[in-house]
C-alpha atoms as a PDB file:
ATOM      1  CA  MET A   1     -42.741 -13.362 -31.650  1.00  0.00           C
ATOM      2  CA  THR A   2     -45.543 -13.864 -34.176  1.00  0.00           C
ATOM      3  CA  ALA A   3     -46.426 -11.749 -37.237  1.00  0.00           C
ATOM      4  CA  PRO A   4     -48.547  -8.691 -36.626  1.00  0.00           C
ATOM      5  CA  THR A   5     -52.300  -9.203 -36.616  1.00  0.00           C
ATOM      6  CA  GLU A   6     -54.593  -7.121 -38.681  1.00  0.00           C
ATOM      7  CA  LYS A   7     -55.395  -5.066 -35.553  1.00  0.00           C
ATOM      8  CA  GLN A   8     -51.860  -4.716 -34.427  1.00  0.00           C
ATOM      9  CA  ASN A   9     -50.012  -1.505 -35.452  1.00  0.00           C
ATOM     10  CA  ILE A  10     -46.834  -2.400 -37.390  1.00  0.00           C
ATOM     11  CA  HIS A  11     -44.854  -0.022 -35.399  1.00  0.00           C
ATOM     12  CA  ASP A  12     -45.823  -1.634 -32.081  1.00  0.00           C
ATOM     13  CA  TYR A  13     -44.879  -4.914 -33.730  1.00  0.00           C
ATOM     14  CA  LEU A  14     -41.440  -3.653 -34.814  1.00  0.00           C
ATOM     15  CA  ALA A  15     -40.877  -2.072 -31.433  1.00  0.00           C
ATOM     16  CA  GLU A  16     -41.094  -5.728 -29.949  1.00  0.00           C
ATOM     17  CA  PHE A  17     -37.742  -6.281 -31.599  1.00  0.00           C
ATOM     18  CA  ASP A  18     -36.113  -3.827 -29.132  1.00  0.00           C
ATOM     19  CA  ASP A  19     -37.098  -6.017 -26.315  1.00  0.00           C
ATOM     20  CA  ILE A  20     -34.562  -8.749 -27.131  1.00  0.00           C
ATOM     21  CA  PRO A  21     -31.586  -8.386 -24.683  1.00  0.00           C
ATOM     22  CA  GLY A  22     -28.253  -7.766 -26.355  1.00  0.00           C
ATOM     23  CA  THR A  23     -29.668  -8.017 -29.845  1.00  0.00           C
ATOM     24  CA  ARG A  24     -30.312  -5.406 -32.512  1.00  0.00           C
ATOM     25  CA  VAL A  25     -32.602  -6.734 -35.274  1.00  0.00           C
ATOM     26  CA  PHE A  26     -31.493  -5.334 -38.630  1.00  0.00           C
ATOM     27  CA  THR A  27     -34.758  -3.783 -39.768  1.00  0.00           C
ATOM     28  CA  ALA A  28     -35.587  -1.644 -42.776  1.00  0.00           C
ATOM     29  CA  ALA A  29     -35.265   1.394 -40.506  1.00  0.00           C
ATOM     30  CA  ARG A  30     -31.783   0.349 -39.441  1.00  0.00           C
ATOM     31  CA  ALA A  31     -30.768  -0.378 -42.957  1.00  0.00           C
ATOM     32  CA  ARG A  32     -31.792   3.138 -44.049  1.00  0.00           C
ATOM     33  CA  LYS A  33     -30.066   4.643 -41.034  1.00  0.00           C
ATOM     34  CA  GLY A  34     -26.779   2.739 -41.699  1.00  0.00           C
ATOM     35  CA  TYR A  35     -26.706   2.721 -45.443  1.00  0.00           C
ATOM     36  CA  TRP A  36     -23.525   4.809 -45.685  1.00  0.00           C
ATOM     37  CA  LEU A  37     -21.865   3.225 -42.812  1.00  0.00           C
ATOM     38  CA  ASN A  38     -22.353  -0.206 -44.346  1.00  0.00           C
ATOM     39  CA  GLN A  39     -21.315   1.045 -47.747  1.00  0.00           C
ATOM     40  CA  PHE A  40     -18.097   2.203 -46.170  1.00  0.00           C
ATOM     41  CA  ALA A  41     -17.451  -1.185 -44.601  1.00  0.00           C
ATOM     42  CA  MET A  42     -18.223  -3.044 -47.892  1.00  0.00           C
ATOM     43  CA  SER A  43     -15.692  -0.752 -49.695  1.00  0.00           C
ATOM     44  CA  LEU A  44     -12.954  -2.602 -47.729  1.00  0.00           C
ATOM     45  CA  MET A  45     -13.437  -5.621 -49.845  1.00  0.00           C
ATOM     46  CA  THR A  46     -10.837  -4.324 -52.193  1.00  0.00           C
ATOM     47  CA  PRO A  47      -6.960  -4.265 -51.502  1.00  0.00           C
ATOM     48  CA  GLU A  48      -6.575  -0.711 -52.601  1.00  0.00           C
ATOM     49  CA  ASN A  49      -9.411   0.603 -50.454  1.00  0.00           C
ATOM     50  CA  ARG A  50      -7.932  -1.313 -47.410  1.00  0.00           C
ATOM     51  CA  GLU A  51      -4.684   0.408 -47.959  1.00  0.00           C
ATOM     52  CA  ALA A  52      -6.127   3.856 -48.378  1.00  0.00           C
ATOM     53  CA  TRP A  53      -8.112   3.183 -45.034  1.00  0.00           C
ATOM     54  CA  LYS A  54      -5.061   1.972 -43.190  1.00  0.00           C
ATOM     55  CA  ALA A  55      -3.046   4.935 -44.412  1.00  0.00           C
ATOM     56  CA  ASP A  56      -5.469   7.618 -43.166  1.00  0.00           C
ATOM     57  CA  GLU A  57      -8.682   6.462 -41.605  1.00  0.00           C
ATOM     58  CA  ARG A  58     -10.287   9.891 -40.955  1.00  0.00           C
ATOM     59  CA  LYS A  59      -9.338  11.001 -44.555  1.00  0.00           C
ATOM     60  CA  TYR A  60     -10.936   7.781 -45.800  1.00  0.00           C
ATOM     61  CA  LEU A  61     -14.128   8.370 -44.041  1.00  0.00           C
ATOM     62  CA  GLU A  62     -14.513  11.637 -45.697  1.00  0.00           C
ATOM     63  CA  ASN A  63     -15.555   9.813 -48.825  1.00  0.00           C
ATOM     64  CA  TRP A  64     -18.609   8.581 -47.078  1.00  0.00           C
ATOM     65  CA  PRO A  65     -21.675  10.757 -46.177  1.00  0.00           C
ATOM     66  CA  MET A  66     -22.131   9.288 -42.769  1.00  0.00           C
ATOM     67  CA  SER A  67     -23.036  11.151 -39.516  1.00  0.00           C
ATOM     68  CA  ASP A  68     -20.260  12.350 -37.289  1.00  0.00           C
ATOM     69  CA  GLU A  69     -21.494   9.797 -34.747  1.00  0.00           C
ATOM     70  CA  GLN A  70     -21.206   7.018 -37.142  1.00  0.00           C
ATOM     71  CA  ARG A  71     -17.573   8.149 -38.065  1.00  0.00           C
ATOM     72  CA  GLU A  72     -16.563   8.384 -34.457  1.00  0.00           C
ATOM     73  CA  ALA A  73     -18.023   4.920 -33.638  1.00  0.00           C
ATOM     74  CA  ILE A  74     -16.063   3.413 -36.497  1.00  0.00           C
ATOM     75  CA  LEU A  75     -12.813   5.149 -35.527  1.00  0.00           C
ATOM     76  CA  ALA A  76     -13.240   4.051 -31.879  1.00  0.00           C
ATOM     77  CA  ARG A  77     -14.042   0.541 -33.014  1.00  0.00           C
ATOM     78  CA  ASP A  78     -17.219   0.840 -30.957  1.00  0.00           C
ATOM     79  CA  TYR A  79     -19.185  -1.879 -32.762  1.00  0.00           C
ATOM     80  CA  ASN A  80     -22.124  -1.968 -30.457  1.00  0.00           C
ATOM     81  CA  ARG A  81     -22.566   1.838 -31.267  1.00  0.00           C
ATOM     82  CA  CYS A  82     -22.150   1.117 -34.970  1.00  0.00           C
ATOM     83  CA  LEU A  83     -24.930  -1.394 -34.695  1.00  0.00           C
ATOM     84  CA  ASP A  84     -27.171   1.211 -32.843  1.00  0.00           C
ATOM     85  CA  LEU A  85     -26.430   3.564 -35.784  1.00  0.00           C
ATOM     86  CA  GLY A  86     -27.487   1.168 -38.487  1.00  0.00           C
ATOM     87  CA  GLY A  87     -24.425  -0.923 -38.938  1.00  0.00           C
ATOM     88  CA  ASN A  88     -24.785  -4.510 -39.994  1.00  0.00           C
ATOM     89  CA  VAL A  89     -22.447  -6.930 -38.243  1.00  0.00           C
ATOM     90  CA  TYR A  90     -21.794  -8.788 -41.533  1.00  0.00           C
ATOM     91  CA  PHE A  91     -20.696  -5.641 -43.323  1.00  0.00           C
ATOM     92  CA  LEU A  92     -18.746  -4.491 -40.228  1.00  0.00           C
ATOM     93  CA  ALA A  93     -16.859  -7.779 -40.552  1.00  0.00           C
ATOM     94  CA  LYS A  94     -14.864  -6.067 -43.299  1.00  0.00           C
ATOM     95  CA  VAL A  95     -13.508  -3.708 -40.662  1.00  0.00           C
ATOM     96  CA  PHE A  96     -12.678  -6.565 -38.300  1.00  0.00           C
ATOM     97  CA  SER A  97     -10.893  -8.323 -40.978  1.00  0.00           C
ATOM     98  CA  THR A  98      -8.968  -5.292 -42.144  1.00  0.00           C
ATOM     99  CA  ASP A  99      -7.859  -4.885 -38.486  1.00  0.00           C
ATOM    100  CA  GLY A 100      -6.689  -8.493 -38.495  1.00  0.00           C
ATOM    101  CA  LEU A 101      -9.338  -9.794 -36.131  1.00  0.00           C
ATOM    102  CA  SER A 102     -11.386 -12.918 -36.556  1.00  0.00           C
ATOM    103  CA  PHE A 103     -15.166 -12.490 -36.464  1.00  0.00           C
ATOM    104  CA  ALA A 104     -15.209 -14.270 -32.989  1.00  0.00           C
ATOM    105  CA  GLU A 105     -12.601 -11.926 -31.614  1.00  0.00           C
ATOM    106  CA  ALA A 106     -14.373  -8.835 -32.825  1.00  0.00           C
ATOM    107  CA  VAL A 107     -17.723 -10.121 -31.617  1.00  0.00           C
ATOM    108  CA  SER A 108     -16.315 -10.854 -28.162  1.00  0.00           C
ATOM    109  CA  SER A 109     -15.282  -7.275 -27.940  1.00  0.00           C
ATOM    110  CA  MET A 110     -19.044  -6.543 -28.063  1.00  0.00           C
ATOM    111  CA  THR A 111     -19.637  -8.417 -24.930  1.00  0.00           C
ATOM    112  CA  ASP A 112     -18.641  -7.987 -21.308  1.00  0.00           C
ATOM    113  CA  MET A 113     -16.184 -10.914 -21.799  1.00  0.00           C
ATOM    114  CA  THR A 114     -12.528 -11.346 -22.984  1.00  0.00           C
ATOM    115  CA  PHE A 115     -12.130 -13.440 -26.149  1.00  0.00           C
ATOM    116  CA  PRO A 116     -11.018 -16.436 -24.237  1.00  0.00           C
ATOM    117  CA  GLU A 117     -14.089 -16.226 -21.939  1.00  0.00           C
ATOM    118  CA  TYR A 118     -16.361 -15.653 -25.073  1.00  0.00           C
ATOM    119  CA  ARG A 119     -14.719 -18.678 -26.922  1.00  0.00           C
ATOM    120  CA  GLU A 120     -15.227 -20.863 -23.872  1.00  0.00           C
ATOM    121  CA  MET A 121     -18.847 -19.709 -23.448  1.00  0.00           C
ATOM    122  CA  MET A 122     -19.550 -20.440 -27.186  1.00  0.00           C
ATOM    123  CA  ASN A 123     -17.888 -23.847 -27.014  1.00  0.00           C
ATOM    124  CA  LYS A 124     -20.144 -24.894 -24.194  1.00  0.00           C
ATOM    125  CA  GLY A 125     -23.159 -23.989 -26.166  1.00  0.00           C
ATOM    126  CA  GLY A 126     -23.571 -20.171 -25.944  1.00  0.00           C
ATOM    127  CA  ARG A 127     -25.571 -18.151 -23.605  1.00  0.00           C
ATOM    128  CA  SER A 128     -28.440 -19.546 -21.827  1.00  0.00           C
ATOM    129  CA  PRO A 129     -31.842 -18.358 -23.033  1.00  0.00           C
ATOM    130  CA  GLN A 130     -32.799 -17.900 -19.438  1.00  0.00           C
ATOM    131  CA  GLY A 131     -32.949 -14.319 -18.623  1.00  0.00           C
ATOM    132  CA  ASN A 132     -32.063 -13.330 -22.212  1.00  0.00           C
ATOM    133  CA  ARG A 133     -35.486 -13.368 -23.956  1.00  0.00           C
ATOM    134  CA  SER A 134     -37.103 -10.198 -22.862  1.00  0.00           C
ATOM    135  CA  ILE A 135     -35.844  -6.961 -21.303  1.00  0.00           C
ATOM    136  CA  LYS A 136     -39.324  -5.945 -20.155  1.00  0.00           C
ATOM    137  CA  GLY A 137     -40.398  -9.367 -18.965  1.00  0.00           C
ATOM    138  CA  GLY A 138     -37.008 -10.266 -17.428  1.00  0.00           C
ATOM    139  CA  TYR A 139     -37.061 -13.670 -18.891  1.00  0.00           C
END
């Protein structure tokens, strides 16, 4: 992907990011959409907030002006949905950690693989780029 040309519409350029299979590029639009979701996740950096979260997740989420859809995605630990709703995986790592998961364990839950399968695939060099470069192009 190259930078937009003077003649290319910036919206068309940014739409190209949605053509990367299994990837959600964290754009300014996603950042705006997920601001409060990500602020919630970052709040889990302090022990007192982690304890409050663990004591009553739904109540804790009332402190954050997120959409109902974002709240439900967090409660369900549907991390792919969280990313769709503007979450940033590095901020969501605070949730993984609070749940006692390693980053690799949590990320494996975002694939169609078990953690041992995911770990093995990553130890062998990760996913092949073949078939994973373009949704529209199929390559």
